[in-house]
Amino acid sequence: MLLIISEMKEKIYKFITKSRFIKLYSLIMLICYCHRDETSLRYDTNPAWSPDGNYIAFCRMIKEDLLDTLKPDELDYSILGDVGIKLLDLNTGKEQILVHTFSELDWTKDSRWIIYEGIYKVDAKNGKIMRILIDTFSFYPVVSPDGSRILYCSTPPDSITPAGSGIYLTDITGSYRKYLVCGLYPDWHPSGDRFLFCNGFNLCIADTNGNIIKTIIENKNIRSPRFSPDGSKIIYCDGYTEGENEKDAYIYLIDTLVVEQKIITQGIEPCWSPDGKEIVFSGYDDTNGGMVLWIMDIDGNNIKKDHRPGLKKCFAFL
């Protein structure tokens, strides 16, 4: 890194000695470089709050459009080595990488293991990985309230879009695999006897045999619906095109008794805190232009950005 800074200083010095125009250009480019910290490259999403309330697991990716602008000597371990499934300690603000892969996530009820596509689980304490079920095309796993079963989506290998996906059921050991219904984004009701999911453009509830019990919303593009811990509310985000307009997506809150909807914030991939008083979600950061994790009260108050370690501003070397 020191070598890069030294070379950059030499180039800037040569530019500045040429003309007033190049002096101005050099200053503009230097400011842009200094304000593009690692946060601007990051795409943090798929948060999952641990049942004990102490951790948030999430996925960190790098935005492709900005990755293409980096030179090879900028792609050091601090950037590429930091992508994958991460663990954020809410008590200390420290992060650690667990697995270099990307997936929707959920926790086992003892807050020990993080479930991800595959179906795999990784130990949050020591990073040990174990396979639960062999299903290469699986995604969006969610653990039942009693911790004994897993709902997940799987796309047949001959299907090129998630539209052909179905929702499956297995137990926590992966001893069976049962198809339930065509759909996406399952989430368990706290009772464990039914689940929420998207069936095309409808938001529905089905029993654990895959029979649709109720349609809550019709003709709306919905992603990531989640029951509140007491089952009285649902959060979800409206549809968006991944990589393009996530910052324009909104998170909605539904009262399941009266099916009343309201927008609570901009963002994607919302997830409840264990006590149902807060949500964590992925949202656009105006400061650096990246997608980072935010935490807020369910009424929209006390919004805060979680700990984001990034590169320090580099004016100090001038």
C-alpha atoms as a PDB file:
ATOM      1  CA  MET A   1       0.000   0.000   0.000  1.00  0.00           C
ATOM      2  CA  LEU A   2       2.917   2.354   0.829  1.00  0.00           C
ATOM      3  CA  LEU A   3       4.409   1.666  -2.594  1.00  0.00           C
ATOM      4  CA  ILE A   4       1.095   2.558  -4.252  1.00  0.00           C
ATOM      5  CA  ILE A   5       0.900   5.821  -2.268  1.00  0.00           C
ATOM      6  CA  SER A   6       4.519   6.678  -3.163  1.00  0.00           C
ATOM      7  CA  GLU A   7       3.904   6.100  -6.868  1.00  0.00           C
ATOM      8  CA  MET A   8       0.708   8.127  -6.695  1.00  0.00           C
ATOM      9  CA  LYS A   9       2.519  11.075  -5.013  1.00  0.00           C
ATOM     10  CA  GLU A  10       5.171  11.057  -7.740  1.00  0.00           C
ATOM     11  CA  LYS A  11       2.552  11.078 -10.506  1.00  0.00           C
ATOM     12  CA  ILE A  12       0.601  13.874  -8.832  1.00  0.00           C
ATOM     13  CA  TYR A  13       3.772  15.971  -8.462  1.00  0.00           C
ATOM     14  CA  LYS A  14       4.631  15.602 -12.157  1.00  0.00           C
ATOM     15  CA  PHE A  15       1.079  16.548 -13.148  1.00  0.00           C
ATOM     16  CA  ILE A  16       0.981  19.603 -10.894  1.00  0.00           C
ATOM     17  CA  THR A  17       4.184  21.049 -12.399  1.00  0.00           C
ATOM     18  CA  LYS A  18       2.804  21.124 -15.946  1.00  0.00           C
ATOM     19  CA  SER A  19      -0.067  23.632 -16.096  1.00  0.00           C
ATOM     20  CA  ARG A  20      -2.901  25.239 -14.175  1.00  0.00           C
ATOM     21  CA  PHE A  21      -5.420  23.022 -15.941  1.00  0.00           C
ATOM     22  CA  ILE A  22      -3.634  19.861 -14.958  1.00  0.00           C
ATOM     23  CA  LYS A  23      -3.270  21.192 -11.395  1.00  0.00           C
ATOM     24  CA  LEU A  24      -7.052  21.474 -11.174  1.00  0.00           C
ATOM     25  CA  TYR A  25      -7.603  18.090 -12.819  1.00  0.00           C
ATOM     26  CA  SER A  26      -5.139  16.443 -10.451  1.00  0.00           C
ATOM     27  CA  LEU A  27      -6.859  17.919  -7.418  1.00  0.00           C
ATOM     28  CA  ILE A  28     -10.265  16.673  -8.572  1.00  0.00           C
ATOM     29  CA  MET A  29      -8.967  13.170  -9.232  1.00  0.00           C
ATOM     30  CA  LEU A  30      -7.176  13.105  -5.877  1.00  0.00           C
ATOM     31  CA  ILE A  31     -10.343  14.087  -4.016  1.00  0.00           C
ATOM     32  CA  CYS A  32     -12.334  11.393  -5.835  1.00  0.00           C
ATOM     33  CA  TYR A  33      -9.721   8.793  -4.974  1.00  0.00           C
ATOM     34  CA  CYS A  34      -9.576   9.785  -1.318  1.00  0.00           C
ATOM     35  CA  HIS A  35     -13.338   9.641  -0.903  1.00  0.00           C
ATOM     36  CA  ARG A  36     -13.735   6.270  -2.582  1.00  0.00           C
ATOM     37  CA  ASP A  37     -13.181   4.056   0.408  1.00  0.00           C
ATOM     38  CA  GLU A  38     -13.936   0.345   0.602  1.00  0.00           C
ATOM     39  CA  THR A  39     -17.519   0.975   1.668  1.00  0.00           C
ATOM     40  CA  SER A  40     -18.349   2.368  -1.789  1.00  0.00           C
ATOM     41  CA  LEU A  41     -17.448  -1.000  -3.323  1.00  0.00           C
ATOM     42  CA  ARG A  42     -19.527  -3.077  -0.935  1.00  0.00           C
ATOM     43  CA  TYR A  43     -22.931  -4.586  -1.374  1.00  0.00           C
ATOM     44  CA  ASP A  44     -24.015  -5.847   2.041  1.00  0.00           C
ATOM     45  CA  THR A  45     -27.274  -7.773   2.025  1.00  0.00           C
ATOM     46  CA  ASN A  46     -29.247 -10.826   3.246  1.00  0.00           C
ATOM     47  CA  PRO A  47     -28.997  -9.973   6.962  1.00  0.00           C
ATOM     48  CA  ALA A  48     -30.155 -12.539   9.529  1.00  0.00           C
ATOM     49  CA  TRP A  49     -30.411 -11.609  13.217  1.00  0.00           C
ATOM     50  CA  SER A  50     -29.372 -14.343  15.662  1.00  0.00           C
ATOM     51  CA  PRO A  51     -32.115 -15.551  18.049  1.00  0.00           C
ATOM     52  CA  ASP A  52     -30.087 -14.426  21.068  1.00  0.00           C
ATOM     53  CA  GLY A  53     -29.890 -10.900  19.614  1.00  0.00           C
ATOM     54  CA  ASN A  54     -26.092 -10.668  19.757  1.00  0.00           C
ATOM     55  CA  TYR A  55     -25.126 -11.144  16.105  1.00  0.00           C
ATOM     56  CA  ILE A  56     -26.158 -10.361  12.563  1.00  0.00           C
ATOM     57  CA  ALA A  57     -24.994 -12.660   9.788  1.00  0.00           C
ATOM     58  CA  PHE A  58     -24.976 -11.129   6.312  1.00  0.00           C
ATOM     59  CA  CYS A  59     -23.393 -11.367   2.878  1.00  0.00           C
ATOM     60  CA  ARG A  60     -20.825  -8.935   1.569  1.00  0.00           C
ATOM     61  CA  MET A  61     -20.315  -8.661  -2.168  1.00  0.00           C
ATOM     62  CA  ILE A  62     -18.485  -6.189  -4.396  1.00  0.00           C
ATOM     63  CA  LYS A  63     -20.451  -4.132  -6.886  1.00  0.00           C
ATOM     64  CA  GLU A  64     -19.400  -5.273 -10.355  1.00  0.00           C
ATOM     65  CA  ASP A  65     -19.637  -1.845 -11.971  1.00  0.00           C
ATOM     66  CA  LEU A  66     -17.132  -0.403  -9.474  1.00  0.00           C
ATOM     67  CA  LEU A  67     -14.963  -3.512  -9.414  1.00  0.00           C
ATOM     68  CA  ASP A  68     -14.266  -2.955 -13.110  1.00  0.00           C
ATOM     69  CA  THR A  69     -12.842   0.507 -12.328  1.00  0.00           C
ATOM     70  CA  LEU A  70     -10.171  -0.809  -9.964  1.00  0.00           C
ATOM     71  CA  LYS A  71      -6.621  -1.452 -11.072  1.00  0.00           C
ATOM     72  CA  PRO A  72      -5.025  -4.843 -10.274  1.00  0.00           C
ATOM     73  CA  ASP A  73      -2.852  -3.298  -7.545  1.00  0.00           C
ATOM     74  CA  GLU A  74      -5.985  -2.022  -5.781  1.00  0.00           C
ATOM     75  CA  LEU A  75      -7.473  -5.518  -5.477  1.00  0.00           C
ATOM     76  CA  ASP A  76      -5.679  -6.501  -2.302  1.00  0.00           C
ATOM     77  CA  TYR A  77      -6.793  -8.901   0.433  1.00  0.00           C
ATOM     78  CA  SER A  78      -8.604  -6.154   2.345  1.00  0.00           C
ATOM     79  CA  ILE A  79     -11.175  -6.081  -0.465  1.00  0.00           C
ATOM     80  CA  LEU A  80     -11.334  -9.532  -2.053  1.00  0.00           C
ATOM     81  CA  GLY A  81     -10.624 -11.397   1.181  1.00  0.00           C
ATOM     82  CA  ASP A  82     -13.551  -9.659   2.855  1.00  0.00           C
ATOM     83  CA  VAL A  83     -16.376 -10.960   0.639  1.00  0.00           C
ATOM     84  CA  GLY A  84     -18.737 -13.790   1.523  1.00  0.00           C
ATOM     85  CA  ILE A  85     -20.824 -14.686   4.577  1.00  0.00           C
ATOM     86  CA  LYS A  86     -19.841 -12.422   7.459  1.00  0.00           C
ATOM     87  CA  LEU A  87     -20.663 -12.200  11.135  1.00  0.00           C
ATOM     88  CA  LEU A  88     -21.227  -8.862  12.872  1.00  0.00           C
ATOM     89  CA  ASP A  89     -20.949  -8.800  16.676  1.00  0.00           C
ATOM     90  CA  LEU A  90     -23.470  -6.191  17.830  1.00  0.00           C
ATOM     91  CA  ASN A  91     -21.787  -5.879  21.216  1.00  0.00           C
ATOM     92  CA  THR A  92     -18.327  -5.017  19.910  1.00  0.00           C
ATOM     93  CA  GLY A  93     -18.949  -3.900  16.309  1.00  0.00           C
ATOM     94  CA  LYS A  94     -16.350  -6.378  15.092  1.00  0.00           C
ATOM     95  CA  GLU A  95     -16.798  -8.381  11.886  1.00  0.00           C
ATOM     96  CA  GLN A  96     -15.351 -11.672  10.738  1.00  0.00           C
ATOM     97  CA  ILE A  97     -15.562 -13.649   7.514  1.00  0.00           C
ATOM     98  CA  LEU A  98     -16.971 -17.175   7.817  1.00  0.00           C
ATOM     99  CA  VAL A  99     -17.429 -18.555   4.294  1.00  0.00           C
ATOM    100  CA  HIS A 100     -16.421 -17.181   0.908  1.00  0.00           C
ATOM    101  CA  THR A 101     -19.818 -17.673  -0.715  1.00  0.00           C
ATOM    102  CA  PHE A 102     -23.099 -15.777  -1.090  1.00  0.00           C
ATOM    103  CA  SER A 103     -26.523 -16.922   0.051  1.00  0.00           C
ATOM    104  CA  GLU A 104     -29.700 -16.050   1.882  1.00  0.00           C
ATOM    105  CA  LEU A 105     -29.166 -16.946   5.539  1.00  0.00           C
ATOM    106  CA  ASP A 106     -30.898 -18.131   8.690  1.00  0.00           C
ATOM    107  CA  TRP A 107     -29.867 -19.282  12.164  1.00  0.00           C
ATOM    108  CA  THR A 108     -30.391 -22.415  14.184  1.00  0.00           C
ATOM    109  CA  LYS A 109     -32.366 -21.649  17.331  1.00  0.00           C
ATOM    110  CA  ASP A 110     -29.348 -22.016  19.644  1.00  0.00           C
ATOM    111  CA  SER A 111     -27.620 -19.133  17.771  1.00  0.00           C
ATOM    112  CA  ARG A 112     -24.705 -21.458  17.037  1.00  0.00           C
ATOM    113  CA  TRP A 113     -25.047 -22.331  13.345  1.00  0.00           C
ATOM    114  CA  ILE A 114     -25.836 -20.251  10.249  1.00  0.00           C
ATOM    115  CA  ILE A 115     -27.758 -22.090   7.530  1.00  0.00           C
ATOM    116  CA  TYR A 116     -27.067 -21.273   3.878  1.00  0.00           C
ATOM    117  CA  GLU A 117     -27.770 -22.653   0.425  1.00  0.00           C
ATOM    118  CA  GLY A 118     -26.620 -26.112  -0.406  1.00  0.00           C
ATOM    119  CA  ILE A 119     -27.942 -26.944   2.239  1.00  0.00           C
ATOM    120  CA  TYR A 120     -24.976 -26.221   4.547  1.00  0.00           C
ATOM    121  CA  LYS A 121     -24.408 -24.820   8.004  1.00  0.00           C
ATOM    122  CA  VAL A 122     -21.388 -22.977   9.370  1.00  0.00           C
ATOM    123  CA  ASP A 123     -20.449 -22.713  13.034  1.00  0.00           C
ATOM    124  CA  ALA A 124     -20.540 -19.043  14.072  1.00  0.00           C
ATOM    125  CA  LYS A 125     -17.881 -19.689  16.725  1.00  0.00           C
ATOM    126  CA  ASN A 126     -15.161 -21.524  14.817  1.00  0.00           C
ATOM    127  CA  GLY A 127     -16.158 -21.444  11.127  1.00  0.00           C
ATOM    128  CA  LYS A 128     -16.610 -25.227  10.873  1.00  0.00           C
ATOM    129  CA  ILE A 129     -18.779 -26.181   7.869  1.00  0.00           C
ATOM    130  CA  MET A 130     -21.147 -29.149   7.704  1.00  0.00           C
ATOM    131  CA  ARG A 131     -23.513 -30.284   4.948  1.00  0.00           C
ATOM    132  CA  ILE A 132     -27.141 -30.907   5.865  1.00  0.00           C
ATOM    133  CA  LEU A 133     -28.646 -31.848   2.506  1.00  0.00           C
ATOM    134  CA  ILE A 134     -27.304 -32.324  -1.003  1.00  0.00           C
ATOM    135  CA  ASP A 135     -29.314 -29.891  -3.131  1.00  0.00           C
ATOM    136  CA  THR A 136     -27.046 -27.878  -5.405  1.00  0.00           C
ATOM    137  CA  PHE A 137     -29.869 -25.659  -6.658  1.00  0.00           C
ATOM    138  CA  SER A 138     -31.248 -24.705  -3.241  1.00  0.00           C
ATOM    139  CA  PHE A 139     -31.542 -21.209  -1.787  1.00  0.00           C
ATOM    140  CA  TYR A 140     -33.456 -19.113   0.773  1.00  0.00           C
ATOM    141  CA  PRO A 141     -33.382 -21.574   3.713  1.00  0.00           C
ATOM    142  CA  VAL A 142     -35.438 -20.748   6.837  1.00  0.00           C
ATOM    143  CA  VAL A 143     -35.419 -22.718  10.098  1.00  0.00           C
ATOM    144  CA  SER A 144     -38.709 -23.577  11.830  1.00  0.00           C
ATOM    145  CA  PRO A 145     -39.563 -21.939  15.194  1.00  0.00           C
ATOM    146  CA  ASP A 146     -38.809 -25.150  17.070  1.00  0.00           C
ATOM    147  CA  GLY A 147     -35.555 -25.633  15.181  1.00  0.00           C
ATOM    148  CA  SER A 148     -36.428 -29.077  13.821  1.00  0.00           C
ATOM    149  CA  ARG A 149     -37.215 -28.337  10.146  1.00  0.00           C
ATOM    150  CA  ILE A 150     -36.036 -26.208   7.236  1.00  0.00           C
ATOM    151  CA  LEU A 151     -38.041 -24.685   4.421  1.00  0.00           C
ATOM    152  CA  TYR A 152     -36.090 -23.774   1.322  1.00  0.00           C
ATOM    153  CA  CYS A 153     -36.429 -23.064  -2.390  1.00  0.00           C
ATOM    154  CA  SER A 154     -34.945 -25.188  -5.133  1.00  0.00           C
ATOM    155  CA  THR A 155     -34.786 -24.566  -8.865  1.00  0.00           C
ATOM    156  CA  PRO A 156     -34.796 -27.635 -11.161  1.00  0.00           C
ATOM    157  CA  PRO A 157     -31.526 -27.888 -13.094  1.00  0.00           C
ATOM    158  CA  ASP A 158     -33.325 -27.465 -16.439  1.00  0.00           C
ATOM    159  CA  SER A 159     -34.964 -24.202 -15.330  1.00  0.00           C
ATOM    160  CA  ILE A 160     -33.101 -21.010 -16.232  1.00  0.00           C
ATOM    161  CA  THR A 161     -35.134 -18.650 -14.027  1.00  0.00           C
ATOM    162  CA  PRO A 162     -36.370 -18.699 -10.402  1.00  0.00           C
ATOM    163  CA  ALA A 163     -39.929 -18.725 -11.808  1.00  0.00           C
ATOM    164  CA  GLY A 164     -39.650 -22.516 -11.929  1.00  0.00           C
ATOM    165  CA  SER A 165     -38.725 -22.714  -8.272  1.00  0.00           C
ATOM    166  CA  GLY A 166     -40.550 -24.773  -5.705  1.00  0.00           C
ATOM    167  CA  ILE A 167     -40.609 -24.740  -1.921  1.00  0.00           C
ATOM    168  CA  TYR A 168     -39.328 -27.859  -0.163  1.00  0.00           C
ATOM    169  CA  LEU A 169     -39.273 -29.144   3.392  1.00  0.00           C
ATOM    170  CA  THR A 170     -36.545 -31.101   5.163  1.00  0.00           C
ATOM    171  CA  ASP A 171     -35.538 -31.717   8.755  1.00  0.00           C
ATOM    172  CA  ILE A 172     -32.516 -30.178  10.458  1.00  0.00           C
ATOM    173  CA  THR A 173     -30.448 -33.282   9.641  1.00  0.00           C
ATOM    174  CA  GLY A 174     -31.486 -33.470   5.974  1.00  0.00           C
ATOM    175  CA  SER A 175     -32.952 -36.965   6.293  1.00  0.00           C
ATOM    176  CA  TYR A 176     -35.712 -36.282   3.731  1.00  0.00           C
ATOM    177  CA  ARG A 177     -36.721 -33.842   1.013  1.00  0.00           C
ATOM    178  CA  LYS A 178     -40.404 -33.053   0.432  1.00  0.00           C
ATOM    179  CA  TYR A 179     -41.844 -30.815  -2.287  1.00  0.00           C
ATOM    180  CA  LEU A 180     -44.648 -28.542  -1.008  1.00  0.00           C
ATOM    181  CA  VAL A 181     -45.692 -25.858  -3.489  1.00  0.00           C
ATOM    182  CA  CYS A 182     -44.499 -23.692  -6.383  1.00  0.00           C
ATOM    183  CA  GLY A 183     -43.191 -20.401  -5.040  1.00  0.00           C
ATOM    184  CA  LEU A 184     -40.393 -18.312  -3.584  1.00  0.00           C
ATOM    185  CA  TYR A 185     -39.313 -16.622  -0.339  1.00  0.00           C
ATOM    186  CA  PRO A 186     -40.800 -18.919   2.332  1.00  0.00           C
ATOM    187  CA  ASP A 187     -40.940 -17.835   5.973  1.00  0.00           C
ATOM    188  CA  TRP A 188     -42.335 -19.719   8.945  1.00  0.00           C
ATOM    189  CA  HIS A 189     -45.256 -18.482  11.019  1.00  0.00           C
ATOM    190  CA  PRO A 190     -44.257 -18.510  14.735  1.00  0.00           C
ATOM    191  CA  SER A 191     -46.705 -21.369  15.315  1.00  0.00           C
ATOM    192  CA  GLY A 192     -44.700 -23.619  12.970  1.00  0.00           C
ATOM    193  CA  ASP A 193     -47.850 -25.041  11.341  1.00  0.00           C
ATOM    194  CA  ARG A 194     -47.873 -22.730   8.287  1.00  0.00           C
ATOM    195  CA  PHE A 195     -45.625 -20.489   6.244  1.00  0.00           C
ATOM    196  CA  LEU A 196     -45.614 -17.327   4.190  1.00  0.00           C
ATOM    197  CA  PHE A 197     -44.435 -17.312   0.568  1.00  0.00           C
ATOM    198  CA  CYS A 198     -44.740 -15.619  -2.817  1.00  0.00           C
ATOM    199  CA  ASN A 199     -46.728 -17.451  -5.477  1.00  0.00           C
ATOM    200  CA  GLY A 200     -46.148 -15.461  -8.634  1.00  0.00           C
ATOM    201  CA  PHE A 201     -47.381 -11.944  -7.835  1.00  0.00           C
ATOM    202  CA  ASN A 202     -49.422 -13.095  -4.838  1.00  0.00           C
ATOM    203  CA  LEU A 203     -48.402 -13.195  -1.188  1.00  0.00           C
ATOM    204  CA  CYS A 204     -49.862 -16.357   0.334  1.00  0.00           C
ATOM    205  CA  ILE A 205     -49.942 -18.543   3.428  1.00  0.00           C
ATOM    206  CA  ALA A 206     -49.825 -22.350   3.138  1.00  0.00           C
ATOM    207  CA  ASP A 207     -49.836 -25.228   5.591  1.00  0.00           C
ATOM    208  CA  THR A 208     -46.883 -27.601   5.929  1.00  0.00           C
ATOM    209  CA  ASN A 209     -48.401 -29.888   3.294  1.00  0.00           C
ATOM    210  CA  GLY A 210     -48.272 -27.083   0.727  1.00  0.00           C
ATOM    211  CA  ASN A 211     -52.026 -26.333   0.696  1.00  0.00           C
ATOM    212  CA  ILE A 212     -52.706 -22.615   0.271  1.00  0.00           C
ATOM    213  CA  ILE A 213     -54.772 -21.344   3.197  1.00  0.00           C
ATOM    214  CA  LYS A 214     -54.985 -17.658   2.416  1.00  0.00           C
ATOM    215  CA  THR A 215     -53.889 -15.053  -0.127  1.00  0.00           C
ATOM    216  CA  ILE A 216     -52.908 -11.816   1.618  1.00  0.00           C
ATOM    217  CA  ILE A 217     -51.896  -9.613  -1.320  1.00  0.00           C
ATOM    218  CA  GLU A 218     -52.558 -10.030  -5.032  1.00  0.00           C
ATOM    219  CA  ASN A 219     -50.839  -8.662  -8.149  1.00  0.00           C
ATOM    220  CA  LYS A 220     -47.807  -7.092  -6.487  1.00  0.00           C
ATOM    221  CA  ASN A 221     -44.132  -7.812  -7.062  1.00  0.00           C
ATOM    222  CA  ILE A 222     -42.895  -8.788  -3.587  1.00  0.00           C
ATOM    223  CA  ARG A 223     -39.551 -10.002  -2.249  1.00  0.00           C
ATOM    224  CA  SER A 224     -38.340 -11.231   1.131  1.00  0.00           C
ATOM    225  CA  PRO A 225     -41.572 -11.322   3.192  1.00  0.00           C
ATOM    226  CA  ARG A 226     -41.030 -12.036   6.896  1.00  0.00           C
ATOM    227  CA  PHE A 227     -43.423 -12.717   9.758  1.00  0.00           C
ATOM    228  CA  SER A 228     -42.819 -10.764  12.957  1.00  0.00           C
ATOM    229  CA  PRO A 229     -41.818 -12.931  15.956  1.00  0.00           C
ATOM    230  CA  ASP A 230     -45.412 -12.839  17.257  1.00  0.00           C
ATOM    231  CA  GLY A 231     -46.983 -13.341  13.801  1.00  0.00           C
ATOM    232  CA  SER A 232     -49.027 -10.137  13.963  1.00  0.00           C
ATOM    233  CA  LYS A 233     -47.108  -8.290  11.234  1.00  0.00           C
ATOM    234  CA  ILE A 234     -45.239  -8.894   8.001  1.00  0.00           C
ATOM    235  CA  ILE A 235     -42.398  -6.918   6.454  1.00  0.00           C
ATOM    236  CA  TYR A 236     -41.343  -7.176   2.820  1.00  0.00           C
ATOM    237  CA  CYS A 237     -39.716  -5.143   0.073  1.00  0.00           C
ATOM    238  CA  ASP A 238     -41.152  -4.454  -3.335  1.00  0.00           C
ATOM    239  CA  GLY A 239     -39.578  -5.989  -6.412  1.00  0.00           C
ATOM    240  CA  TYR A 240     -36.345  -4.585  -7.779  1.00  0.00           C
ATOM    241  CA  THR A 241     -33.762  -5.447 -10.394  1.00  0.00           C
ATOM    242  CA  GLU A 242     -30.656  -6.719  -8.643  1.00  0.00           C
ATOM    243  CA  GLY A 243     -27.618  -4.555  -9.297  1.00  0.00           C
ATOM    244  CA  GLU A 244     -29.589  -1.675 -10.797  1.00  0.00           C
ATOM    245  CA  ASN A 245     -32.165   0.052  -8.626  1.00  0.00           C
ATOM    246  CA  GLU A 246     -32.014  -1.445  -5.152  1.00  0.00           C
ATOM    247  CA  LYS A 247     -31.718   2.039  -3.677  1.00  0.00           C
ATOM    248  CA  ASP A 248     -35.176   2.854  -5.064  1.00  0.00           C
ATOM    249  CA  ALA A 249     -36.891  -0.149  -3.438  1.00  0.00           C
ATOM    250  CA  TYR A 250     -39.135   0.278  -0.394  1.00  0.00           C
ATOM    251  CA  ILE A 251     -39.817  -1.782   2.703  1.00  0.00           C
ATOM    252  CA  TYR A 252     -43.460  -2.271   3.682  1.00  0.00           C
ATOM    253  CA  LEU A 253     -45.142  -3.217   6.932  1.00  0.00           C
ATOM    254  CA  ILE A 254     -48.425  -5.167   6.984  1.00  0.00           C
ATOM    255  CA  ASP A 255     -50.772  -5.638   9.914  1.00  0.00           C
ATOM    256  CA  THR A 256     -51.996  -9.189   9.327  1.00  0.00           C
ATOM    257  CA  LEU A 257     -55.284  -8.627  11.161  1.00  0.00           C
ATOM    258  CA  VAL A 258     -56.530  -5.812   8.919  1.00  0.00           C
ATOM    259  CA  VAL A 259     -54.120  -6.314   5.984  1.00  0.00           C
ATOM    260  CA  GLU A 260     -53.157  -2.656   6.190  1.00  0.00           C
ATOM    261  CA  GLN A 261     -49.917  -1.721   4.424  1.00  0.00           C
ATOM    262  CA  LYS A 262     -47.583   1.200   4.908  1.00  0.00           C
ATOM    263  CA  ILE A 263     -44.088   2.125   3.729  1.00  0.00           C
ATOM    264  CA  ILE A 264     -41.601   2.407   6.562  1.00  0.00           C
ATOM    265  CA  THR A 265     -38.316   3.090   4.739  1.00  0.00           C
ATOM    266  CA  GLN A 266     -36.285   2.633   1.568  1.00  0.00           C
ATOM    267  CA  GLY A 267     -34.270  -0.573   1.384  1.00  0.00           C
ATOM    268  CA  ILE A 268     -34.242  -4.294   0.645  1.00  0.00           C
ATOM    269  CA  GLU A 269     -33.971  -7.671   2.440  1.00  0.00           C
ATOM    270  CA  PRO A 270     -35.545  -6.697   5.791  1.00  0.00           C
ATOM    271  CA  CYS A 271     -35.238  -8.982   8.818  1.00  0.00           C
ATOM    272  CA  TRP A 272     -36.808  -8.745  12.294  1.00  0.00           C
ATOM    273  CA  SER A 273     -34.910  -8.498  15.556  1.00  0.00           C
ATOM    274  CA  PRO A 274     -35.735 -11.377  17.937  1.00  0.00           C
ATOM    275  CA  ASP A 275     -37.980  -9.140  20.072  1.00  0.00           C
ATOM    276  CA  GLY A 276     -39.833  -7.716  17.046  1.00  0.00           C
ATOM    277  CA  LYS A 277     -39.017  -4.104  17.955  1.00  0.00           C
ATOM    278  CA  GLU A 278     -36.417  -3.438  15.251  1.00  0.00           C
ATOM    279  CA  ILE A 279     -35.503  -4.487  11.738  1.00  0.00           C
ATOM    280  CA  VAL A 280     -32.164  -4.775   9.984  1.00  0.00           C
ATOM    281  CA  PHE A 281     -32.053  -4.218   6.229  1.00  0.00           C
ATOM    282  CA  SER A 282     -29.769  -3.406   3.337  1.00  0.00           C
ATOM    283  CA  GLY A 283     -29.932   0.221   2.271  1.00  0.00           C
ATOM    284  CA  TYR A 284     -28.110   2.752   0.136  1.00  0.00           C
ATOM    285  CA  ASP A 285     -25.437   4.827   1.859  1.00  0.00           C
ATOM    286  CA  ASP A 286     -25.387   8.358   0.401  1.00  0.00           C
ATOM    287  CA  THR A 287     -22.018   9.064   2.013  1.00  0.00           C
ATOM    288  CA  ASN A 288     -20.059   6.475   0.033  1.00  0.00           C
ATOM    289  CA  GLY A 289     -22.534   5.121  -2.492  1.00  0.00           C
ATOM    290  CA  GLY A 290     -22.530   1.522  -1.246  1.00  0.00           C
ATOM    291  CA  MET A 291     -25.259  -0.795   0.015  1.00  0.00           C
ATOM    292  CA  VAL A 292     -24.735  -1.279   3.771  1.00  0.00           C
ATOM    293  CA  LEU A 293     -26.717  -2.596   6.727  1.00  0.00           C
ATOM    294  CA  TRP A 294     -29.041  -0.321   8.675  1.00  0.00           C
ATOM    295  CA  ILE A 295     -31.004  -0.935  11.883  1.00  0.00           C
ATOM    296  CA  MET A 296     -34.180   0.937  12.776  1.00  0.00           C
ATOM    297  CA  ASP A 297     -37.197   0.789  15.058  1.00  0.00           C
ATOM    298  CA  ILE A 298     -40.253  -0.710  13.401  1.00  0.00           C
ATOM    299  CA  ASP A 299     -42.008   2.684  13.622  1.00  0.00           C
ATOM    300  CA  GLY A 300     -39.264   4.214  11.475  1.00  0.00           C
ATOM    301  CA  ASN A 301     -37.370   5.955  14.287  1.00  0.00           C
ATOM    302  CA  ASN A 302     -33.775   5.619  15.530  1.00  0.00           C
ATOM    303  CA  ILE A 303     -32.316   4.565  12.206  1.00  0.00           C
ATOM    304  CA  LYS A 304     -28.582   3.887  12.428  1.00  0.00           C
ATOM    305  CA  LYS A 305     -25.856   2.432  10.280  1.00  0.00           C
ATOM    306  CA  ASP A 306     -23.937  -0.472  11.744  1.00  0.00           C
ATOM    307  CA  HIS A 307     -20.177  -0.508  12.155  1.00  0.00           C
ATOM    308  CA  ARG A 308     -18.439  -0.085   8.777  1.00  0.00           C
ATOM    309  CA  PRO A 309     -14.635  -0.255   8.961  1.00  0.00           C
ATOM    310  CA  GLY A 310     -13.214   1.284   5.800  1.00  0.00           C
ATOM    311  CA  LEU A 311     -10.077   2.886   4.394  1.00  0.00           C
ATOM    312  CA  LYS A 312      -9.003   6.082   6.129  1.00  0.00           C
ATOM    313  CA  LYS A 313      -9.082   9.369   4.214  1.00  0.00           C
ATOM    314  CA  CYS A 314      -5.724   9.851   2.557  1.00  0.00           C
ATOM    315  CA  PHE A 315      -5.135  13.613   2.728  1.00  0.00           C
ATOM    316  CA  ALA A 316      -2.619  12.979   5.529  1.00  0.00           C
ATOM    317  CA  PHE A 317       0.212  12.060   3.164  1.00  0.00           C
ATOM    318  CA  LEU A 318       0.167  15.397   1.296  1.00  0.00           C
END
